[in-house]
C-alpha atoms as a PDB file:
ATOM      1  CA  UNK A   1       0.000   0.000   0.000  1.00  0.00           C
ATOM      2  CA  UNK A   2       1.538   3.257  -1.106  1.00  0.00           C
ATOM      3  CA  UNK A   3      -0.217   6.627  -1.267  1.00  0.00           C
ATOM      4  CA  UNK A   4       0.535   8.504  -4.471  1.00  0.00           C
ATOM      5  CA  UNK A   5      -1.965  11.306  -3.944  1.00  0.00           C
ATOM      6  CA  UNK A   6      -3.786  12.376  -0.810  1.00  0.00           C
ATOM      7  CA  UNK A   7      -7.523  12.916  -1.012  1.00  0.00           C
ATOM      8  CA  UNK A   8      -7.638  15.264   2.005  1.00  0.00           C
ATOM      9  CA  UNK A   9      -5.252  17.065   4.302  1.00  0.00           C
ATOM     10  CA  UNK A  10      -5.763  14.355   6.915  1.00  0.00           C
ATOM     11  CA  UNK A  11      -3.526  11.331   7.330  1.00  0.00           C
ATOM     12  CA  UNK A  12      -4.357   7.863   6.041  1.00  0.00           C
ATOM     13  CA  UNK A  13      -5.991   5.137   8.126  1.00  0.00           C
ATOM     14  CA  UNK A  14      -7.847   1.878   7.709  1.00  0.00           C
ATOM     15  CA  UNK A  15      -9.046  -0.825  10.062  1.00  0.00           C
ATOM     16  CA  UNK A  16      -7.500  -3.896   8.496  1.00  0.00           C
ATOM     17  CA  UNK A  17      -5.469  -5.092   5.496  1.00  0.00           C
ATOM     18  CA  UNK A  18      -6.134  -8.614   4.188  1.00  0.00           C
ATOM     19  CA  UNK A  19      -4.568 -10.743   1.456  1.00  0.00           C
ATOM     20  CA  UNK A  20      -6.511 -13.793   0.270  1.00  0.00           C
ATOM     21  CA  UNK A  21      -5.587 -16.874  -1.732  1.00  0.00           C
ATOM     22  CA  UNK A  22      -7.712 -17.790  -4.771  1.00  0.00           C
ATOM     23  CA  UNK A  23     -10.844 -19.721  -3.818  1.00  0.00           C
ATOM     24  CA  UNK A  24     -11.238 -18.077  -0.404  1.00  0.00           C
ATOM     25  CA  UNK A  25     -14.628 -16.400  -0.017  1.00  0.00           C
ATOM     26  CA  UNK A  26     -15.188 -13.427   2.256  1.00  0.00           C
ATOM     27  CA  UNK A  27     -18.604 -11.986   3.023  1.00  0.00           C
ATOM     28  CA  UNK A  28     -18.726  -8.480   1.562  1.00  0.00           C
ATOM     29  CA  UNK A  29     -22.403  -7.658   0.939  1.00  0.00           C
ATOM     30  CA  UNK A  30     -25.910  -8.661   1.957  1.00  0.00           C
ATOM     31  CA  UNK A  31     -28.743  -8.042  -0.492  1.00  0.00           C
ATOM     32  CA  UNK A  32     -32.046  -7.537   1.328  1.00  0.00           C
ATOM     33  CA  UNK A  33     -35.384  -7.495  -0.489  1.00  0.00           C
ATOM     34  CA  UNK A  34     -39.069  -7.594   0.488  1.00  0.00           C
ATOM     35  CA  UNK A  35     -41.888  -9.302  -1.423  1.00  0.00           C
ATOM     36  CA  UNK A  36     -44.014  -6.191  -0.773  1.00  0.00           C
ATOM     37  CA  UNK A  37     -43.785  -3.144   1.462  1.00  0.00           C
ATOM     38  CA  UNK A  38     -47.229  -2.979   3.073  1.00  0.00           C
ATOM     39  CA  UNK A  39     -48.917  -5.406   5.457  1.00  0.00           C
ATOM     40  CA  UNK A  40     -51.590  -5.240   8.107  1.00  0.00           C
ATOM     41  CA  UNK A  41     -50.476  -5.291  11.724  1.00  0.00           C
ATOM     42  CA  UNK A  42     -50.141  -8.946  12.648  1.00  0.00           C
ATOM     43  CA  UNK A  43     -49.708  -9.904   8.987  1.00  0.00           C
ATOM     44  CA  UNK A  44     -46.395 -10.621   7.343  1.00  0.00           C
ATOM     45  CA  UNK A  45     -43.997  -9.528   4.617  1.00  0.00           C
ATOM     46  CA  UNK A  46     -41.639 -12.150   3.175  1.00  0.00           C
ATOM     47  CA  UNK A  47     -37.975 -11.098   3.204  1.00  0.00           C
ATOM     48  CA  UNK A  48     -35.043 -12.504   1.267  1.00  0.00           C
ATOM     49  CA  UNK A  49     -31.451 -11.851   2.340  1.00  0.00           C
ATOM     50  CA  UNK A  50     -28.592 -13.080   0.173  1.00  0.00           C
ATOM     51  CA  UNK A  51     -25.065 -13.085   1.603  1.00  0.00           C
ATOM     52  CA  UNK A  52     -22.477 -12.569  -1.144  1.00  0.00           C
ATOM     53  CA  UNK A  53     -18.703 -12.780  -1.324  1.00  0.00           C
ATOM     54  CA  UNK A  54     -16.181 -10.491  -3.000  1.00  0.00           C
ATOM     55  CA  UNK A  55     -17.148 -11.946  -6.406  1.00  0.00           C
ATOM     56  CA  UNK A  56     -20.903 -11.450  -5.814  1.00  0.00           C
ATOM     57  CA  UNK A  57     -21.366 -15.208  -5.395  1.00  0.00           C
ATOM     58  CA  UNK A  58     -24.074 -16.214  -2.911  1.00  0.00           C
ATOM     59  CA  UNK A  59     -22.631 -17.797   0.221  1.00  0.00           C
ATOM     60  CA  UNK A  60     -24.556 -20.561   1.990  1.00  0.00           C
ATOM     61  CA  UNK A  61     -24.610 -21.075   5.740  1.00  0.00           C
ATOM     62  CA  UNK A  62     -24.063 -17.433   6.697  1.00  0.00           C
ATOM     63  CA  UNK A  63     -25.934 -16.481   9.881  1.00  0.00           C
ATOM     64  CA  UNK A  64     -27.975 -13.349   9.245  1.00  0.00           C
ATOM     65  CA  UNK A  65     -29.815 -11.292  11.817  1.00  0.00           C
ATOM     66  CA  UNK A  66     -32.283  -8.443  11.299  1.00  0.00           C
ATOM     67  CA  UNK A  67     -32.579  -5.060  12.964  1.00  0.00           C
ATOM     68  CA  UNK A  68     -35.906  -3.208  12.895  1.00  0.00           C
ATOM     69  CA  UNK A  69     -36.247   0.476  13.784  1.00  0.00           C
ATOM     70  CA  UNK A  70     -37.942   2.124  15.498  1.00  0.00           C
ATOM     71  CA  UNK A  71     -38.003  -0.312  18.393  1.00  0.00           C
ATOM     72  CA  UNK A  72     -41.396  -1.955  18.756  1.00  0.00           C
ATOM     73  CA  UNK A  73     -42.423  -1.370  15.133  1.00  0.00           C
ATOM     74  CA  UNK A  74     -42.277  -5.074  14.361  1.00  0.00           C
ATOM     75  CA  UNK A  75     -40.088  -8.148  14.292  1.00  0.00           C
ATOM     76  CA  UNK A  76     -38.567 -10.618  11.848  1.00  0.00           C
ATOM     77  CA  UNK A  77     -39.276 -14.301  12.375  1.00  0.00           C
ATOM     78  CA  UNK A  78     -38.248 -17.095   9.989  1.00  0.00           C
ATOM     79  CA  UNK A  79     -37.598 -14.640   7.151  1.00  0.00           C
ATOM     80  CA  UNK A  80     -40.886 -12.785   7.569  1.00  0.00           C
ATOM     81  CA  UNK A  81     -41.420  -9.255   8.897  1.00  0.00           C
ATOM     82  CA  UNK A  82     -44.455  -8.981  11.175  1.00  0.00           C
ATOM     83  CA  UNK A  83     -45.575  -5.378  11.796  1.00  0.00           C
ATOM     84  CA  UNK A  84     -46.644  -4.717  15.372  1.00  0.00           C
ATOM     85  CA  UNK A  85     -47.854  -1.131  15.008  1.00  0.00           C
ATOM     86  CA  UNK A  86     -49.080   1.392  12.477  1.00  0.00           C
ATOM     87  CA  UNK A  87     -46.476   3.270  10.453  1.00  0.00           C
ATOM     88  CA  UNK A  88     -43.167   2.984   8.667  1.00  0.00           C
ATOM     89  CA  UNK A  89     -40.310   0.777   9.805  1.00  0.00           C
ATOM     90  CA  UNK A  90     -36.755   0.340   8.532  1.00  0.00           C
ATOM     91  CA  UNK A  91     -35.136  -3.090   8.302  1.00  0.00           C
ATOM     92  CA  UNK A  92     -31.497  -4.042   7.746  1.00  0.00           C
ATOM     93  CA  UNK A  93     -29.925  -7.489   7.563  1.00  0.00           C
ATOM     94  CA  UNK A  94     -26.492  -7.995   9.074  1.00  0.00           C
ATOM     95  CA  UNK A  95     -23.803 -10.561   9.686  1.00  0.00           C
ATOM     96  CA  UNK A  96     -20.851  -9.424  11.758  1.00  0.00           C
ATOM     97  CA  UNK A  97     -19.781  -6.009  10.472  1.00  0.00           C
ATOM     98  CA  UNK A  98     -21.514  -6.427   7.088  1.00  0.00           C
ATOM     99  CA  UNK A  99     -24.872  -4.634   6.899  1.00  0.00           C
ATOM    100  CA  UNK A 100     -27.343  -4.513   4.014  1.00  0.00           C
ATOM    101  CA  UNK A 101     -28.866  -1.389   2.544  1.00  0.00           C
ATOM    102  CA  UNK A 102     -32.035  -0.530   4.481  1.00  0.00           C
ATOM    103  CA  UNK A 103     -35.544  -1.212   3.204  1.00  0.00           C
ATOM    104  CA  UNK A 104     -38.736   0.460   4.391  1.00  0.00           C
ATOM    105  CA  UNK A 105     -42.022  -1.281   5.126  1.00  0.00           C
ATOM    106  CA  UNK A 106     -45.394  -0.041   6.345  1.00  0.00           C
ATOM    107  CA  UNK A 107     -47.745  -1.512   8.922  1.00  0.00           C
ATOM    108  CA  UNK A 108     -51.463  -0.925   8.366  1.00  0.00           C
ATOM    109  CA  UNK A 109     -54.110  -1.095  11.045  1.00  0.00           C
ATOM    110  CA  UNK A 110     -56.965  -1.188   8.536  1.00  0.00           C
ATOM    111  CA  UNK A 111     -57.982  -2.849   5.308  1.00  0.00           C
ATOM    112  CA  UNK A 112     -56.483  -1.869   1.941  1.00  0.00           C
ATOM    113  CA  UNK A 113     -59.705  -0.782   0.272  1.00  0.00           C
ATOM    114  CA  UNK A 114     -58.130  -0.657  -3.189  1.00  0.00           C
ATOM    115  CA  UNK A 115     -56.846  -4.231  -3.158  1.00  0.00           C
ATOM    116  CA  UNK A 116     -57.973  -6.039  -6.333  1.00  0.00           C
ATOM    117  CA  UNK A 117     -60.830  -3.571  -6.909  1.00  0.00           C
ATOM    118  CA  UNK A 118     -61.767  -2.643 -10.515  1.00  0.00           C
ATOM    119  CA  UNK A 119     -59.201  -0.251 -12.017  1.00  0.00           C
ATOM    120  CA  UNK A 120     -59.082   1.755 -15.252  1.00  0.00           C
ATOM    121  CA  UNK A 121     -56.595   4.176 -16.791  1.00  0.00           C
ATOM    122  CA  UNK A 122     -56.342   6.834 -19.465  1.00  0.00           C
ATOM    123  CA  UNK A 123     -53.671   4.747 -21.174  1.00  0.00           C
ATOM    124  CA  UNK A 124     -51.601   1.745 -20.235  1.00  0.00           C
ATOM    125  CA  UNK A 125     -48.391   0.049 -21.236  1.00  0.00           C
ATOM    126  CA  UNK A 126     -48.940  -2.685 -18.651  1.00  0.00           C
ATOM    127  CA  UNK A 127     -52.209  -3.996 -17.125  1.00  0.00           C
ATOM    128  CA  UNK A 128     -53.960  -1.470 -14.874  1.00  0.00           C
ATOM    129  CA  UNK A 129     -54.786  -4.157 -12.279  1.00  0.00           C
ATOM    130  CA  UNK A 130     -51.083  -4.595 -11.531  1.00  0.00           C
ATOM    131  CA  UNK A 131     -51.142  -1.338  -9.526  1.00  0.00           C
ATOM    132  CA  UNK A 132     -53.421  -2.691  -6.793  1.00  0.00           C
ATOM    133  CA  UNK A 133     -52.555  -6.398  -6.609  1.00  0.00           C
ATOM    134  CA  UNK A 134     -50.321  -6.114  -3.481  1.00  0.00           C
ATOM    135  CA  UNK A 135     -47.251  -7.274  -5.420  1.00  0.00           C
ATOM    136  CA  UNK A 136     -43.995  -5.383  -5.978  1.00  0.00           C
ATOM    137  CA  UNK A 137     -43.060  -7.707  -8.839  1.00  0.00           C
ATOM    138  CA  UNK A 138     -45.746  -6.142 -11.051  1.00  0.00           C
ATOM    139  CA  UNK A 139     -46.612  -2.525 -11.786  1.00  0.00           C
ATOM    140  CA  UNK A 140     -48.826  -0.308 -13.934  1.00  0.00           C
ATOM    141  CA  UNK A 141     -47.110   1.869 -16.515  1.00  0.00           C
ATOM    142  CA  UNK A 142     -48.738   4.706 -18.417  1.00  0.00           C
ATOM    143  CA  UNK A 143     -46.264   4.565 -21.284  1.00  0.00           C
ATOM    144  CA  UNK A 144     -44.400   7.419 -23.008  1.00  0.00           C
ATOM    145  CA  UNK A 145     -45.670  10.441 -24.937  1.00  0.00           C
ATOM    146  CA  UNK A 146     -49.138  10.682 -23.407  1.00  0.00           C
ATOM    147  CA  UNK A 147     -51.317  13.793 -23.252  1.00  0.00           C
ATOM    148  CA  UNK A 148     -52.463  15.254 -19.931  1.00  0.00           C
ATOM    149  CA  UNK A 149     -55.966  13.872 -20.542  1.00  0.00           C
ATOM    150  CA  UNK A 150     -54.509  10.352 -20.706  1.00  0.00           C
ATOM    151  CA  UNK A 151     -52.383  10.613 -17.567  1.00  0.00           C
ATOM    152  CA  UNK A 152     -54.631   9.108 -14.920  1.00  0.00           C
ATOM    153  CA  UNK A 153     -55.268   5.848 -13.085  1.00  0.00           C
ATOM    154  CA  UNK A 154     -58.543   5.196 -11.261  1.00  0.00           C
ATOM    155  CA  UNK A 155     -59.826   2.552  -8.870  1.00  0.00           C
ATOM    156  CA  UNK A 156     -63.459   1.946  -7.926  1.00  0.00           C
ATOM    157  CA  UNK A 157     -63.690   1.258  -4.186  1.00  0.00           C
ATOM    158  CA  UNK A 158     -67.295   0.095  -4.762  1.00  0.00           C
ATOM    159  CA  UNK A 159     -68.590   2.023  -1.746  1.00  0.00           C
ATOM    160  CA  UNK A 160     -68.271   5.397   0.003  1.00  0.00           C
ATOM    161  CA  UNK A 161     -65.637   5.706   2.724  1.00  0.00           C
ATOM    162  CA  UNK A 162     -64.105   8.277   5.062  1.00  0.00           C
ATOM    163  CA  UNK A 163     -60.480   7.816   3.966  1.00  0.00           C
ATOM    164  CA  UNK A 164     -57.414   8.550   6.093  1.00  0.00           C
ATOM    165  CA  UNK A 165     -54.393   7.499   4.008  1.00  0.00           C
ATOM    166  CA  UNK A 166     -53.319   6.834   0.424  1.00  0.00           C
ATOM    167  CA  UNK A 167     -49.953   5.160  -0.245  1.00  0.00           C
ATOM    168  CA  UNK A 168     -48.290   5.084  -3.660  1.00  0.00           C
ATOM    169  CA  UNK A 169     -45.188   2.935  -4.125  1.00  0.00           C
ATOM    170  CA  UNK A 170     -43.507   4.579  -7.108  1.00  0.00           C
ATOM    171  CA  UNK A 171     -41.415   3.005  -9.811  1.00  0.00           C
ATOM    172  CA  UNK A 172     -38.496   5.100 -11.080  1.00  0.00           C
ATOM    173  CA  UNK A 173     -40.817   6.956 -13.475  1.00  0.00           C
ATOM    174  CA  UNK A 174     -42.734   9.201 -11.088  1.00  0.00           C
ATOM    175  CA  UNK A 175     -44.241  12.657 -11.629  1.00  0.00           C
ATOM    176  CA  UNK A 176     -43.113  15.841  -9.924  1.00  0.00           C
ATOM    177  CA  UNK A 177     -46.718  17.047  -9.680  1.00  0.00           C
ATOM    178  CA  UNK A 178     -49.855  14.991  -9.193  1.00  0.00           C
ATOM    179  CA  UNK A 179     -53.183  14.973  -7.392  1.00  0.00           C
ATOM    180  CA  UNK A 180     -55.213  12.387  -5.504  1.00  0.00           C
ATOM    181  CA  UNK A 181     -58.841  12.969  -6.466  1.00  0.00           C
ATOM    182  CA  UNK A 182     -62.062  11.526  -5.086  1.00  0.00           C
ATOM    183  CA  UNK A 183     -65.560  11.211  -6.507  1.00  0.00           C
ATOM    184  CA  UNK A 184     -68.885   9.679  -5.509  1.00  0.00           C
ATOM    185  CA  UNK A 185     -70.388   9.693  -9.021  1.00  0.00           C
ATOM    186  CA  UNK A 186     -67.364   9.057 -11.313  1.00  0.00           C
ATOM    187  CA  UNK A 187     -68.036  12.414 -12.959  1.00  0.00           C
ATOM    188  CA  UNK A 188     -67.313  15.212 -10.513  1.00  0.00           C
ATOM    189  CA  UNK A 189     -63.831  14.993  -9.005  1.00  0.00           C
ATOM    190  CA  UNK A 190     -62.321  16.856  -6.052  1.00  0.00           C
ATOM    191  CA  UNK A 191     -58.654  17.151  -5.120  1.00  0.00           C
ATOM    192  CA  UNK A 192     -58.055  15.396  -1.796  1.00  0.00           C
ATOM    193  CA  UNK A 193     -54.287  15.971  -1.914  1.00  0.00           C
ATOM    194  CA  UNK A 194     -51.794  17.525  -4.329  1.00  0.00           C
ATOM    195  CA  UNK A 195     -48.016  17.616  -4.688  1.00  0.00           C
ATOM    196  CA  UNK A 196     -45.780  20.176  -6.366  1.00  0.00           C
ATOM    197  CA  UNK A 197     -42.061  19.733  -6.958  1.00  0.00           C
ATOM    198  CA  UNK A 198     -39.860  16.704  -6.460  1.00  0.00           C
END
């Protein structure tokens, strides 16, 4: 190890220097994923945690533990997150000093009224029903080059409710301005919430 150019005015330091022979695997990363991000309190969200070595090869037999914050939000048992209270929680998987990137999950105390209800859209590149099927492996896409009149997605809750919360889990293609609108007759719409900016 020889410094040829300093990055800062401070000295150099590191915790440990290791040299490995070919064929020796060292845990370097843990990939943590969730089957979905929303579950009712007392329900469950399936987690997958893959321990990988320096060559991104999955390592078997690595003991992985989970840390959930804030304390009391929920717990992980047998690879499943079980929310204990309403609200967001952050989960990381760890083994020794190696920690995964965090994921966020949400505990609901009520029923998801939009789940599998009839949905329509102004245009679609993928099926509209994939936006309310409780799966993060499917999604609704509007598609490119659409007019403002085509840029909407609608779900029929099939009854009238006093709503408290709407959650949208965005893909990478998300708008900087949008509105959540409600209607009792499918004709006259009122803004319930709006966003402006990123």
